Structure formats: structure tokens, C-alpha cells
PDB file of N, CA and C in Angstrom:
ATOM      1  N   UNK A   1       0.894  -1.229   0.063  1.00  0.00           N
ATOM      2  CA  UNK A   1      -0.082  -0.032   0.208  1.00  0.00           C
ATOM      3  C   UNK A   1       0.999   1.111   0.063  1.00  0.00           C
ATOM      4  N   UNK A   2       0.358   2.332  -0.575  1.00  0.00           N
ATOM      5  CA  UNK A   2       1.062   3.517  -0.828  1.00  0.00           C
ATOM      6  C   UNK A   2       0.609   4.228  -0.770  1.00  0.00           C
ATOM      7  N   UNK A   3       1.038   5.724  -0.246  1.00  0.00           N
ATOM      8  CA  UNK A   3       0.119   6.703   0.347  1.00  0.00           C
ATOM      9  C   UNK A   3       1.219   7.851  -0.709  1.00  0.00           C
ATOM     10  N   UNK A   4       0.458   8.911  -1.080  1.00  0.00           N
ATOM     11  CA  UNK A   4       0.564   9.968  -1.534  1.00  0.00           C
ATOM     12  C   UNK A   4      -0.075  11.251  -1.344  1.00  0.00           C
ATOM     13  N   UNK A   5       0.568  12.265  -1.153  1.00  0.00           N
ATOM     14  CA  UNK A   5       0.014  13.606  -0.843  1.00  0.00           C
ATOM     15  C   UNK A   5       0.890  14.664  -0.944  1.00  0.00           C
ATOM     16  N   UNK A   6      -0.162  15.614  -1.966  1.00  0.00           N
ATOM     17  CA  UNK A   6       0.960  17.006  -2.420  1.00  0.00           C
ATOM     18  C   UNK A   6       1.084  17.662  -0.959  1.00  0.00           C
ATOM     19  N   UNK A   7       2.036  17.915  -0.387  1.00  0.00           N
ATOM     20  CA  UNK A   7       2.386  18.376   0.833  1.00  0.00           C
ATOM     21  C   UNK A   7       1.873  19.851   0.780  1.00  0.00           C
ATOM     22  N   UNK A   8       2.693  20.859  -0.478  1.00  0.00           N
ATOM     23  CA  UNK A   8       2.584  22.390  -0.482  1.00  0.00           C
ATOM     24  C   UNK A   8       1.428  22.994  -0.636  1.00  0.00           C
ATOM     25  N   UNK A   9       0.386  21.537  -0.864  1.00  0.00           N
ATOM     26  CA  UNK A   9      -1.384  22.231  -0.940  1.00  0.00           C
ATOM     27  C   UNK A   9      -1.955  22.158   0.376  1.00  0.00           C
ATOM     28  N   UNK A  10      -1.306  21.677   1.439  1.00  0.00           N
ATOM     29  CA  UNK A  10      -1.901  21.641   2.702  1.00  0.00           C
ATOM     30  C   UNK A  10      -3.376  21.230   2.832  1.00  0.00           C
ATOM     31  N   UNK A  11      -3.591  20.425   1.677  1.00  0.00           N
ATOM     32  CA  UNK A  11      -5.250  19.969   2.017  1.00  0.00           C
ATOM     33  C   UNK A  11      -5.572  18.733   3.308  1.00  0.00           C
ATOM     34  N   UNK A  12      -6.629  18.960   3.524  1.00  0.00           N
ATOM     35  CA  UNK A  12      -6.943  18.126   4.703  1.00  0.00           C
ATOM     36  C   UNK A  12      -7.763  16.690   4.427  1.00  0.00           C
ATOM     37  N   UNK A  13      -8.572  16.800   3.293  1.00  0.00           N
ATOM     38  CA  UNK A  13      -9.443  16.116   2.809  1.00  0.00           C
ATOM     39  C   UNK A  13     -10.602  16.209   2.814  1.00  0.00           C
ATOM     40  N   UNK A  14     -11.127  17.092   4.029  1.00  0.00           N
ATOM     41  CA  UNK A  14     -12.746  17.371   4.021  1.00  0.00           C
ATOM     42  C   UNK A  14     -13.385  18.067   3.134  1.00  0.00           C
ATOM     43  N   UNK A  15     -12.567  18.476   2.211  1.00  0.00           N
ATOM     44  CA  UNK A  15     -13.693  19.132   0.888  1.00  0.00           C
ATOM     45  C   UNK A  15     -13.249  18.672  -0.306  1.00  0.00           C
ATOM     46  N   UNK A  16     -14.537  18.514  -1.519  1.00  0.00           N
ATOM     47  CA  UNK A  16     -14.155  17.983  -2.682  1.00  0.00           C
ATOM     48  C   UNK A  16     -13.155  18.561  -3.305  1.00  0.00           C
ATOM     49  N   UNK A  17     -12.511  20.277  -2.822  1.00  0.00           N
ATOM     50  CA  UNK A  17     -11.636  20.752  -3.557  1.00  0.00           C
ATOM     51  C   UNK A  17     -10.549  20.629  -3.206  1.00  0.00           C
ATOM     52  N   UNK A  18     -10.450  19.607  -2.318  1.00  0.00           N
ATOM     53  CA  UNK A  18      -8.858  18.513  -2.048  1.00  0.00           C
ATOM     54  C   UNK A  18      -8.642  17.718  -2.877  1.00  0.00           C
ATOM     55  N   UNK A  19     -10.046  17.212  -3.641  1.00  0.00           N
ATOM     56  CA  UNK A  19      -9.440  16.042  -4.688  1.00  0.00           C
ATOM     57  C   UNK A  19      -8.273  16.196  -5.585  1.00  0.00           C
ATOM     58  N   UNK A  20      -7.877  15.011  -5.588  1.00  0.00           N
ATOM     59  CA  UNK A  20      -6.158  15.001  -6.412  1.00  0.00           C
ATOM     60  C   UNK A  20      -5.069  15.257  -5.951  1.00  0.00           C
ATOM     61  N   UNK A  21      -4.797  15.922  -4.441  1.00  0.00           N
ATOM     62  CA  UNK A  21      -4.167  16.335  -3.550  1.00  0.00           C
ATOM     63  C   UNK A  21      -3.609  15.139  -2.861  1.00  0.00           C
ATOM     64  N   UNK A  22      -3.883  13.920  -2.986  1.00  0.00           N
ATOM     65  CA  UNK A  22      -3.447  12.643  -2.358  1.00  0.00           C
ATOM     66  C   UNK A  22      -4.048  11.292  -2.851  1.00  0.00           C
ATOM     67  N   UNK A  23      -3.277  10.470  -2.803  1.00  0.00           N
ATOM     68  CA  UNK A  23      -3.605   8.939  -3.422  1.00  0.00           C
ATOM     69  C   UNK A  23      -3.247   7.933  -2.540  1.00  0.00           C
ATOM     70  N   UNK A  24      -4.258   6.815  -2.586  1.00  0.00           N
ATOM     71  CA  UNK A  24      -4.051   5.448  -1.794  1.00  0.00           C
ATOM     72  C   UNK A  24      -3.598   4.371  -3.007  1.00  0.00           C
ATOM     73  N   UNK A  25      -2.503   3.369  -3.458  1.00  0.00           N
ATOM     74  CA  UNK A  25      -2.719   2.523  -3.887  1.00  0.00           C
ATOM     75  C   UNK A  25      -2.343   1.570  -3.363  1.00  0.00           C
ATOM     76  N   UNK A  26      -3.082   0.344  -4.116  1.00  0.00           N
ATOM     77  CA  UNK A  26      -2.872  -0.893  -3.414  1.00  0.00           C
ATOM     78  C   UNK A  26      -2.268  -1.812  -4.564  1.00  0.00           C
ATOM     79  N   UNK A  27      -0.755  -1.997  -4.393  1.00  0.00           N
ATOM     80  CA  UNK A  27       0.043  -2.914  -5.193  1.00  0.00           C
ATOM     81  C   UNK A  27       0.144  -4.264  -4.691  1.00  0.00           C
ATOM     82  N   UNK A  28      -0.157  -4.899  -5.518  1.00  0.00           N
ATOM     83  CA  UNK A  28       0.360  -6.784  -5.368  1.00  0.00           C
ATOM     84  C   UNK A  28       1.844  -6.777  -4.934  1.00  0.00           C
ATOM     85  N   UNK A  29       2.625  -6.330  -5.584  1.00  0.00           N
ATOM     86  CA  UNK A  29       4.025  -6.260  -5.493  1.00  0.00           C
ATOM     87  C   UNK A  29       4.313  -5.054  -4.913  1.00  0.00           C
ATOM     88  N   UNK A  30       6.022  -5.456  -4.257  1.00  0.00           N
ATOM     89  CA  UNK A  30       6.731  -4.148  -3.421  1.00  0.00           C
ATOM     90  C   UNK A  30       7.278  -3.442  -4.623  1.00  0.00           C
ATOM     91  N   UNK A  31       7.295  -2.065  -4.780  1.00  0.00           N
ATOM     92  CA  UNK A  31       7.956  -1.091  -5.420  1.00  0.00           C
ATOM     93  C   UNK A  31       9.414  -1.122  -4.905  1.00  0.00           C
ATOM     94  N   UNK A  32      10.114  -0.702  -5.944  1.00  0.00           N
ATOM     95  CA  UNK A  32      11.820  -0.635  -5.785  1.00  0.00           C
ATOM     96  C   UNK A  32      11.641   0.647  -5.343  1.00  0.00           C
ATOM     97  N   UNK A  33      12.507   0.866  -4.390  1.00  0.00           N
ATOM     98  CA  UNK A  33      12.797   2.509  -4.031  1.00  0.00           C
ATOM     99  C   UNK A  33      13.750   3.202  -5.179  1.00  0.00           C
ATOM    100  N   UNK A  34      12.677   4.639  -5.348  1.00  0.00           N
ATOM    101  CA  UNK A  34      13.131   5.521  -6.602  1.00  0.00           C
ATOM    102  C   UNK A  34      13.446   6.920  -6.118  1.00  0.00           C
ATOM    103  N   UNK A  35      14.353   7.556  -6.735  1.00  0.00           N
ATOM    104  CA  UNK A  35      14.360   8.859  -6.237  1.00  0.00           C
ATOM    105  C   UNK A  35      13.523   9.792  -6.684  1.00  0.00           C
ATOM    106  N   UNK A  36      12.949  10.765  -6.194  1.00  0.00           N
ATOM    107  CA  UNK A  36      12.209  11.671  -6.881  1.00  0.00           C
ATOM    108  C   UNK A  36      12.737  12.394  -8.041  1.00  0.00           C
ATOM    109  N   UNK A  37      11.749  12.636  -8.650  1.00  0.00           N
ATOM    110  CA  UNK A  37      12.133  13.164 -10.211  1.00  0.00           C
ATOM    111  C   UNK A  37      12.589  14.661  -9.985  1.00  0.00           C
ATOM    112  N   UNK A  38      13.516  15.187 -10.607  1.00  0.00           N
ATOM    113  CA  UNK A  38      14.163  16.303 -10.561  1.00  0.00           C
ATOM    114  C   UNK A  38      12.979  17.360 -11.006  1.00  0.00           C
ATOM    115  N   UNK A  39      12.697  18.562 -10.298  1.00  0.00           N
ATOM    116  CA  UNK A  39      11.970  19.764 -10.770  1.00  0.00           C
ATOM    117  C   UNK A  39      12.637  20.661 -11.609  1.00  0.00           C
ATOM    118  N   UNK A  40      12.245  21.190 -12.944  1.00  0.00           N
ATOM    119  CA  UNK A  40      12.829  22.292 -13.403  1.00  0.00           C
ATOM    120  C   UNK A  40      12.873  23.578 -12.654  1.00  0.00           C
ATOM    121  N   UNK A  41      14.165  24.253 -12.387  1.00  0.00           N
ATOM    122  CA  UNK A  41      14.166  25.346 -11.845  1.00  0.00           C
ATOM    123  C   UNK A  41      13.228  26.309 -12.255  1.00  0.00           C
ATOM    124  N   UNK A  42      12.391  26.558 -13.300  1.00  0.00           N
ATOM    125  CA  UNK A  42      11.407  27.473 -13.519  1.00  0.00           C
ATOM    126  C   UNK A  42      10.179  27.183 -13.037  1.00  0.00           C
ATOM    127  N   UNK A  43       9.539  25.555 -12.815  1.00  0.00           N
ATOM    128  CA  UNK A  43       8.610  25.342 -12.484  1.00  0.00           C
ATOM    129  C   UNK A  43       8.084  25.418 -10.786  1.00  0.00           C
ATOM    130  N   UNK A  44       8.884  26.041 -10.104  1.00  0.00           N
ATOM    131  CA  UNK A  44       8.615  26.301  -8.540  1.00  0.00           C
ATOM    132  C   UNK A  44       8.849  27.541  -8.384  1.00  0.00           C
ATOM    133  N   UNK A  45       8.787  27.920  -7.342  1.00  0.00           N
ATOM    134  CA  UNK A  45       9.008  29.350  -6.336  1.00  0.00           C
ATOM    135  C   UNK A  45      10.362  29.291  -6.538  1.00  0.00           C
ATOM    136  N   UNK A  46      10.929  30.802  -6.170  1.00  0.00           N
ATOM    137  CA  UNK A  46      12.676  30.684  -6.190  1.00  0.00           C
ATOM    138  C   UNK A  46      13.429  30.494  -4.728  1.00  0.00           C
ATOM    139  N   UNK A  47      12.222  30.031  -3.684  1.00  0.00           N
ATOM    140  CA  UNK A  47      12.527  29.673  -2.535  1.00  0.00           C
ATOM    141  C   UNK A  47      12.007  27.988  -1.897  1.00  0.00           C
ATOM    142  N   UNK A  48      11.993  27.371  -3.591  1.00  0.00           N
ATOM    143  CA  UNK A  48      11.633  26.033  -3.369  1.00  0.00           C
ATOM    144  C   UNK A  48      12.557  25.460  -2.958  1.00  0.00           C
ATOM    145  N   UNK A  49      12.568  24.466  -2.014  1.00  0.00           N
ATOM    146  CA  UNK A  49      13.483  23.247  -1.829  1.00  0.00           C
ATOM    147  C   UNK A  49      12.829  21.603  -1.623  1.00  0.00           C
ATOM    148  N   UNK A  50      12.662  20.964  -2.763  1.00  0.00           N
ATOM    149  CA  UNK A  50      11.971  19.807  -2.727  1.00  0.00           C
ATOM    150  C   UNK A  50      12.410  18.956  -1.489  1.00  0.00           C
ATOM    151  N   UNK A  51      13.421  19.288  -1.164  1.00  0.00           N
ATOM    152  CA  UNK A  51      14.264  18.045   0.127  1.00  0.00           C
ATOM    153  C   UNK A  51      13.340  18.370   1.031  1.00  0.00           C
ATOM    154  N   UNK A  52      12.464  19.202   1.887  1.00  0.00           N
ATOM    155  CA  UNK A  52      11.832  20.163   2.721  1.00  0.00           C
ATOM    156  C   UNK A  52      10.739  19.053   2.780  1.00  0.00           C
ATOM    157  N   UNK A  53       9.930  19.021   1.368  1.00  0.00           N
ATOM    158  CA  UNK A  53       8.851  18.304   1.466  1.00  0.00           C
ATOM    159  C   UNK A  53       8.478  16.548   1.137  1.00  0.00           C
ATOM    160  N   UNK A  54      10.057  16.419   1.480  1.00  0.00           N
ATOM    161  CA  UNK A  54       9.961  14.732   1.364  1.00  0.00           C
ATOM    162  C   UNK A  54       9.709  13.867   2.608  1.00  0.00           C
ATOM    163  N   UNK A  55       8.389  13.443   2.323  1.00  0.00           N
ATOM    164  CA  UNK A  55       8.418  12.372   3.584  1.00  0.00           C
ATOM    165  C   UNK A  55       9.537  10.817   3.519  1.00  0.00           C
ATOM    166  N   UNK A  56       9.820  10.726   4.750  1.00  0.00           N
ATOM    167  CA  UNK A  56      10.392   9.193   4.654  1.00  0.00           C
ATOM    168  C   UNK A  56       9.310   8.327   4.573  1.00  0.00           C
ATOM    169  N   UNK A  57       9.920   7.226   4.024  1.00  0.00           N
ATOM    170  CA  UNK A  57       9.005   5.900   4.091  1.00  0.00           C
ATOM    171  C   UNK A  57       8.938   5.194   5.306  1.00  0.00           C
ATOM    172  N   UNK A  58       7.940   4.947   5.817  1.00  0.00           N
ATOM    173  CA  UNK A  58       7.388   4.148   6.843  1.00  0.00           C
ATOM    174  C   UNK A  58       6.675   2.540   6.704  1.00  0.00           C
ATOM    175  N   UNK A  59       6.906   1.656   7.303  1.00  0.00           N
ATOM    176  CA  UNK A  59       6.424   0.627   7.577  1.00  0.00           C
ATOM    177  C   UNK A  59       5.090   0.522   8.207  1.00  0.00           C
ATOM    178  N   UNK A  60       4.018   0.012   7.838  1.00  0.00           N
ATOM    179  CA  UNK A  60       2.763  -0.404   8.496  1.00  0.00           C
ATOM    180  C   UNK A  60       2.486  -1.926   8.442  1.00  0.00           C
ATOM    181  N   UNK A  61       2.046  -2.062   9.701  1.00  0.00           N
ATOM    182  CA  UNK A  61       1.530  -3.686  10.300  1.00  0.00           C
ATOM    183  C   UNK A  61      -0.101  -3.699  10.438  1.00  0.00           C
ATOM    184  N   UNK A  62      -0.586  -4.206   9.838  1.00  0.00           N
ATOM    185  CA  UNK A  62      -2.325  -4.411   9.710  1.00  0.00           C
ATOM    186  C   UNK A  62      -2.544  -5.556  10.745  1.00  0.00           C
ATOM    187  N   UNK A  63      -3.413  -5.656  11.449  1.00  0.00           N
ATOM    188  CA  UNK A  63      -4.070  -6.440  12.389  1.00  0.00           C
ATOM    189  C   UNK A  63      -5.453  -6.656  12.176  1.00  0.00           C
ATOM    190  N   UNK A  64      -5.914  -8.142  11.868  1.00  0.00           N
ATOM    191  CA  UNK A  64      -7.111  -8.344  11.938  1.00  0.00           C
ATOM    192  C   UNK A  64      -7.977  -7.983  13.253  1.00  0.00           C
ATOM    193  N   UNK A  65      -9.072  -7.565  13.033  1.00  0.00           N
ATOM    194  CA  UNK A  65      -9.869  -7.273  14.359  1.00  0.00           C
ATOM    195  C   UNK A  65     -11.326  -7.013  13.629  1.00  0.00           C
ATOM    196  N   UNK A  66     -12.289  -8.079  14.653  1.00  0.00           N
ATOM    197  CA  UNK A  66     -13.712  -7.385  14.170  1.00  0.00           C
ATOM    198  C   UNK A  66     -14.208  -6.290  15.222  1.00  0.00           C
ATOM    199  N   UNK A  67     -14.882  -4.938  14.531  1.00  0.00           N
ATOM    200  CA  UNK A  67     -15.388  -3.922  15.226  1.00  0.00           C
ATOM    201  C   UNK A  67     -16.365  -3.421  14.929  1.00  0.00           C
ATOM    202  N   UNK A  68     -17.209  -2.994  15.322  1.00  0.00           N
ATOM    203  CA  UNK A  68     -18.561  -2.212  15.206  1.00  0.00           C
ATOM    204  C   UNK A  68     -18.494  -0.892  15.322  1.00  0.00           C
ATOM    205  N   UNK A  69     -19.319   0.181  14.739  1.00  0.00           N
ATOM    206  CA  UNK A  69     -19.232   1.490  15.195  1.00  0.00           C
ATOM    207  C   UNK A  69     -20.390   1.444  16.897  1.00  0.00           C
ATOM    208  N   UNK A  70     -20.008   2.427  17.255  1.00  0.00           N
ATOM    209  CA  UNK A  70     -20.936   2.720  18.277  1.00  0.00           C
ATOM    210  C   UNK A  70     -22.191   2.931  18.276  1.00  0.00           C
ATOM    211  N   UNK A  71     -22.997   2.754  19.143  1.00  0.00           N
ATOM    212  CA  UNK A  71     -24.655   2.536  18.696  1.00  0.00           C
ATOM    213  C   UNK A  71     -25.200   3.613  18.479  1.00  0.00           C
ATOM    214  N   UNK A  72     -24.221   4.914  19.048  1.00  0.00           N
ATOM    215  CA  UNK A  72     -25.112   6.482  18.404  1.00  0.00           C
ATOM    216  C   UNK A  72     -24.628   6.789  17.396  1.00  0.00           C
ATOM    217  N   UNK A  73     -23.658   5.926  16.279  1.00  0.00           N
ATOM    218  CA  UNK A  73     -23.058   6.253  15.101  1.00  0.00           C
ATOM    219  C   UNK A  73     -23.895   6.638  14.023  1.00  0.00           C
ATOM    220  N   UNK A  74     -23.307   7.281  13.127  1.00  0.00           N
ATOM    221  CA  UNK A  74     -24.651   7.497  11.837  1.00  0.00           C
ATOM    222  C   UNK A  74     -25.005   6.024  10.941  1.00  0.00           C
ATOM    223  N   UNK A  75     -24.102   5.130  11.317  1.00  0.00           N
ATOM    224  CA  UNK A  75     -24.342   3.641  10.284  1.00  0.00           C
ATOM    225  C   UNK A  75     -25.315   2.821  11.112  1.00  0.00           C
ATOM    226  N   UNK A  76     -25.231   2.803  12.652  1.00  0.00           N
ATOM    227  CA  UNK A  76     -25.914   2.324  12.910  1.00  0.00           C
ATOM    228  C   UNK A  76     -27.639   3.051  12.981  1.00  0.00           C
ATOM    229  N   UNK A  77     -27.726   4.044  13.126  1.00  0.00           N
ATOM    230  CA  UNK A  77     -29.078   5.160  12.689  1.00  0.00           C
ATOM    231  C   UNK A  77     -29.214   4.664  11.274  1.00  0.00           C
ATOM    232  N   UNK A  78     -28.443   4.367  10.275  1.00  0.00           N
ATOM    233  CA  UNK A  78     -28.858   4.274   8.997  1.00  0.00           C
ATOM    234  C   UNK A  78     -29.335   2.500   8.917  1.00  0.00           C
ATOM    235  N   UNK A  79     -29.089   1.746   9.631  1.00  0.00           N
ATOM    236  CA  UNK A  79     -29.438   0.425   9.832  1.00  0.00           C
ATOM    237  C   UNK A  79     -30.901   0.105  10.846  1.00  0.00           C
ATOM    238  N   UNK A  80     -30.986   1.272  11.430  1.00  0.00           N
ATOM    239  CA  UNK A  80     -32.376   1.074  12.231  1.00  0.00           C
ATOM    240  C   UNK A  80     -32.249   0.474  13.413  1.00  0.00           C
ATOM    241  N   UNK A  81     -31.132   0.464  13.957  1.00  0.00           N
ATOM    242  CA  UNK A  81     -30.875   0.005  15.324  1.00  0.00           C
ATOM    243  C   UNK A  81     -31.392   1.429  16.209  1.00  0.00           C
ATOM    244  N   UNK A  82     -32.147   1.011  16.952  1.00  0.00           N
ATOM    245  CA  UNK A  82     -32.652   1.834  18.023  1.00  0.00           C
ATOM    246  C   UNK A  82     -33.560   1.086  19.029  1.00  0.00           C
ATOM    247  N   UNK A  83     -34.209   2.116  19.875  1.00  0.00           N
ATOM    248  CA  UNK A  83     -34.952   1.117  21.037  1.00  0.00           C
ATOM    249  C   UNK A  83     -34.402   0.229  22.062  1.00  0.00           C
ATOM    250  N   UNK A  84     -34.952  -0.889  22.203  1.00  0.00           N
ATOM    251  CA  UNK A  84     -34.388  -2.120  22.894  1.00  0.00           C
ATOM    252  C   UNK A  84     -32.931  -2.830  21.566  1.00  0.00           C
ATOM    253  N   UNK A  85     -32.917  -2.558  20.493  1.00  0.00           N
ATOM    254  CA  UNK A  85     -31.540  -2.628  19.879  1.00  0.00           C
ATOM    255  C   UNK A  85     -30.805  -2.419  20.592  1.00  0.00           C
ATOM    256  N   UNK A  86     -30.583  -1.098  21.102  1.00  0.00           N
ATOM    257  CA  UNK A  86     -29.313  -0.300  21.599  1.00  0.00           C
ATOM    258  C   UNK A  86     -28.959  -1.240  22.808  1.00  0.00           C
ATOM    259  N   UNK A  87     -29.684  -1.999  23.639  1.00  0.00           N
ATOM    260  CA  UNK A  87     -29.192  -2.793  24.802  1.00  0.00           C
ATOM    261  C   UNK A  87     -28.468  -4.221  24.326  1.00  0.00           C
ATOM    262  N   UNK A  88     -29.250  -4.427  23.106  1.00  0.00           N
ATOM    263  CA  UNK A  88     -28.526  -5.835  22.864  1.00  0.00           C
ATOM    264  C   UNK A  88     -27.016  -5.634  21.973  1.00  0.00           C
ATOM    265  N   UNK A  89     -27.211  -4.081  21.231  1.00  0.00           N
ATOM    266  CA  UNK A  89     -25.577  -3.943  20.378  1.00  0.00           C
ATOM    267  C   UNK A  89     -24.847  -3.840  21.429  1.00  0.00           C
ATOM    268  N   UNK A  90     -25.108  -2.654  22.554  1.00  0.00           N
ATOM    269  CA  UNK A  90     -24.172  -2.911  23.459  1.00  0.00           C
ATOM    270  C   UNK A  90     -23.968  -3.576  24.456  1.00  0.00           C
ATOM    271  N   UNK A  91     -24.464  -4.680  24.454  1.00  0.00           N
ATOM    272  CA  UNK A  91     -24.288  -5.894  24.975  1.00  0.00           C
ATOM    273  C   UNK A  91     -23.346  -6.724  23.661  1.00  0.00           C
ATOM    274  N   UNK A  92     -23.121  -6.746  22.816  1.00  0.00           N
ATOM    275  CA  UNK A  92     -22.288  -6.939  21.801  1.00  0.00           C
ATOM    276  C   UNK A  92     -20.887  -6.571  21.941  1.00  0.00           C
ATOM    277  N   UNK A  93     -20.966  -5.185  22.003  1.00  0.00           N
ATOM    278  CA  UNK A  93     -19.846  -4.371  21.995  1.00  0.00           C
ATOM    279  C   UNK A  93     -18.817  -4.774  23.182  1.00  0.00           C
ATOM    280  N   UNK A  94     -19.959  -4.808  24.143  1.00  0.00           N
ATOM    281  CA  UNK A  94     -19.189  -5.374  25.708  1.00  0.00           C
ATOM    282  C   UNK A  94     -18.178  -6.561  25.287  1.00  0.00           C
ATOM    283  N   UNK A  95     -18.735  -7.589  24.790  1.00  0.00           N
ATOM    284  CA  UNK A  95     -18.266  -8.889  24.417  1.00  0.00           C
ATOM    285  C   UNK A  95     -17.294  -8.244  23.479  1.00  0.00           C
ATOM    286  N   UNK A  96     -16.893  -7.909  22.452  1.00  0.00           N
ATOM    287  CA  UNK A  96     -16.130  -7.420  21.780  1.00  0.00           C
ATOM    288  C   UNK A  96     -14.917  -7.279  22.574  1.00  0.00           C
ATOM    289  N   UNK A  97     -15.038  -5.953  23.117  1.00  0.00           N
ATOM    290  CA  UNK A  97     -14.118  -5.415  23.870  1.00  0.00           C
ATOM    291  C   UNK A  97     -13.166  -6.253  24.936  1.00  0.00           C
ATOM    292  N   UNK A  98     -14.309  -7.206  25.400  1.00  0.00           N
ATOM    293  CA  UNK A  98     -13.772  -7.917  26.464  1.00  0.00           C
ATOM    294  C   UNK A  98     -12.887  -9.138  25.851  1.00  0.00           C
ATOM    295  N   UNK A  99     -13.178  -9.769  24.584  1.00  0.00           N
ATOM    296  CA  UNK A  99     -12.369 -10.426  23.537  1.00  0.00           C
ATOM    297  C   UNK A  99     -11.216  -9.368  22.791  1.00  0.00           C
ATOM    298  N   UNK A 100     -11.110  -8.204  23.297  1.00  0.00           N
ATOM    299  CA  UNK A 100      -9.830  -7.554  22.624  1.00  0.00           C
ATOM    300  C   UNK A 100      -9.872  -7.574  21.191  1.00  0.00           C
ATOM    301  N   UNK A 101     -11.316  -7.695  20.647  1.00  0.00           N
ATOM    302  CA  UNK A 101     -11.441  -7.643  19.088  1.00  0.00           C
ATOM    303  C   UNK A 101     -11.361  -6.270  18.442  1.00  0.00           C
ATOM    304  N   UNK A 102     -12.331  -5.338  19.543  1.00  0.00           N
ATOM    305  CA  UNK A 102     -12.669  -4.173  18.906  1.00  0.00           C
ATOM    306  C   UNK A 102     -11.914  -3.443  20.417  1.00  0.00           C
ATOM    307  N   UNK A 103     -11.106  -2.053  20.154  1.00  0.00           N
ATOM    308  CA  UNK A 103     -10.811  -1.118  21.081  1.00  0.00           C
ATOM    309  C   UNK A 103     -11.739  -0.095  21.999  1.00  0.00           C
ATOM    310  N   UNK A 104     -11.582  -0.164  23.237  1.00  0.00           N
ATOM    311  CA  UNK A 104     -12.594   0.893  24.098  1.00  0.00           C
ATOM    312  C   UNK A 104     -12.454   1.940  23.665  1.00  0.00           C
TER     313      UNK A 104
END
């Protein structure tokens, strides 16, 4: 999995205007490290230093677990969880927490 972010735009992703400033790619094979392409001097501001915007590579470990949204979450509302369902749903969440399948 590779993450790409256009750091000089300072986007947060919470607006449709941020589209295109980041990308996540899931690849079947690891990529070989490559150096960043050189930027022609005329394409950036005079004080632009590409090394200040470079992020270091970091690894990520994924751990499988079962987790559900809290009872008051928008998804549970859309599923029609309400009334007596809350008690049963919260009991299920307690069981998942005890099994350490879902963080508290």
C-alpha cells in the first residue's frame, strides 16, 4: 500500500476541492525505491527546496479484528438500530471489547 500526498497544498481531505491532492494505491508487489524526479528550476518558487517536502518511508502492520461502530453512530442509525436494539448492540460491543477484538 502506498500513500501519496501533495504536501505543498496543505489539504485535509474534508472538502471536494481537495480531490487530487492525495492518492492511496494498493499494489500486489512491493515497489523498488526510486529517487524523486528533479523539478525544473522555472516550475517552482525561487525559495522552493524539494527536500523539505519529502516524507520518509514508513512501514505499516495490519492486524485483523472485528469492530463495530458505537450504537450512536450514523451507520447504526441508517441500519435502523434503536430502542431495545441499543441494549443488545451495547452487549455485543462489550463482548467484543472483552475479547480485545474492538478497542474501547
